[in-house]
């Protein structure tokens, strides 16, 4: 890679402040003298002065900086007055390097020489492990993964949802399925510095950041304030699979959902000088194919969930109240559910769910114009895997083959064509491989209380 020539000289962590009365954490950063501030407000009351809350607020400050670093991507990060342990410094380096992998690739930047400078502190003494988990906080995005997690967690612990949004904004694609759960909700309003929304005008570098890592830290803070002892994520096996392989280097759009991030973040929490909530993904050993099979039975959510990219547009005037039917997420969700749900049911979901139905089907599999987008998911075209939160190639191929066998899909021309293309390949998934994707396939950090048969039994 060759640097773009637009890189800055120094990114600095300026400090953070807590306003307990307002439930506010303000984090300040600068790039070559330009100041930025991010403000995070939590909805629930709690003791901001407790050791756990203080430790969690500091971690939010450390991870949230990545959004401002990327504006100029300098080679030097100055931690200011925030001293870190060797473990924390190593974690931050990986978080920036791997979490900004897609950003670096798209901007033709080499981040490997990155230096993180600043004060050091000794590692604190280990904090004794807590009692078995009893109160869980589940970050909720309204998609099939977090819905399946919620239904599993509520059988094992006192559960609450956690939702992050911009101040004064609410996404119907989250709020509607959240209401179906009937569970209490803890909210965080995350107000990024408005300068980031003017990136092009101000000449900033721009691109994807590991936002799930930032939200994970905020969730840990929310859990600590609410006296909850676990943050339960919904990141499955395929989120650890790289989006793009570049020789010895790989780029993963979902890095902060990966098992690598989860392992590192867990180590960071365990090494803090306070007893912080446990952090793990309940779906880690399972595939999206398995998640889809489970979701197919959760019929009460079928009319309200919506994983369409256009449902989460920052500009409200461009935000849709229905599935668009042609983005990568729409295509993937349709594909992964097709083996387990009838064509009529999926057609109804994409045409409106419990909204007034569209006179024209928006189901991607009913639209021949989406053929090339499906082929990118199946890796049967020259176009690479999309930089989106979508499943692994073999999961998608298995889904096509399984769905094409359904009697109610015999007349789906696009699906049958895609299945034939997959079957013609020498690397087409076998019966055994497809069946294996419905069994546990990956390592995990699920504690014994949650490691039940429906998750871990082949």
Foldseek 3Di string as FASTA:
>chain_A
DDAPPQAAAEKEFPDWDADLVQQKIKTWIDTPPRIWIKIKHKDDHFDCPDQQLVLLSVQLNLQVSLLVCQQRVHQEYEHPADAEEPLVQVLSLCQNCQQCVVLCVVRVHDNVSRDYDYHYDHQDDFDDADDPFAEEEEEFDLDLLSVLVLVLVVVQHQYEYEYEEAPPDDQQLGVVVNVVSVHHYMYMHIHTGCVSVVSVVVVTRDDGGQVVQSVVSVVQSNCNRVVGAEYEYRQEQQQQPFQADDDVDTHGLSVCSHPVVLVSVQVVQRRRPDRTHGYWYLRHQAFLLLSLQVSLVVVSSLLRHDPAPLSDDPPPVSRDPAHQLADLRLQQSLLSNLLRDAPVSQQQSRQHRPHPGNPDGSRNLQDLVNLVSLCCLQVLDPDTNDSDPHGHNLSSLLSLLSNCPDPNCVPSVSSVVSNVSLVPDPPRDDPVRSVCNNAGHDDTDDDPSSPDCVNHPD
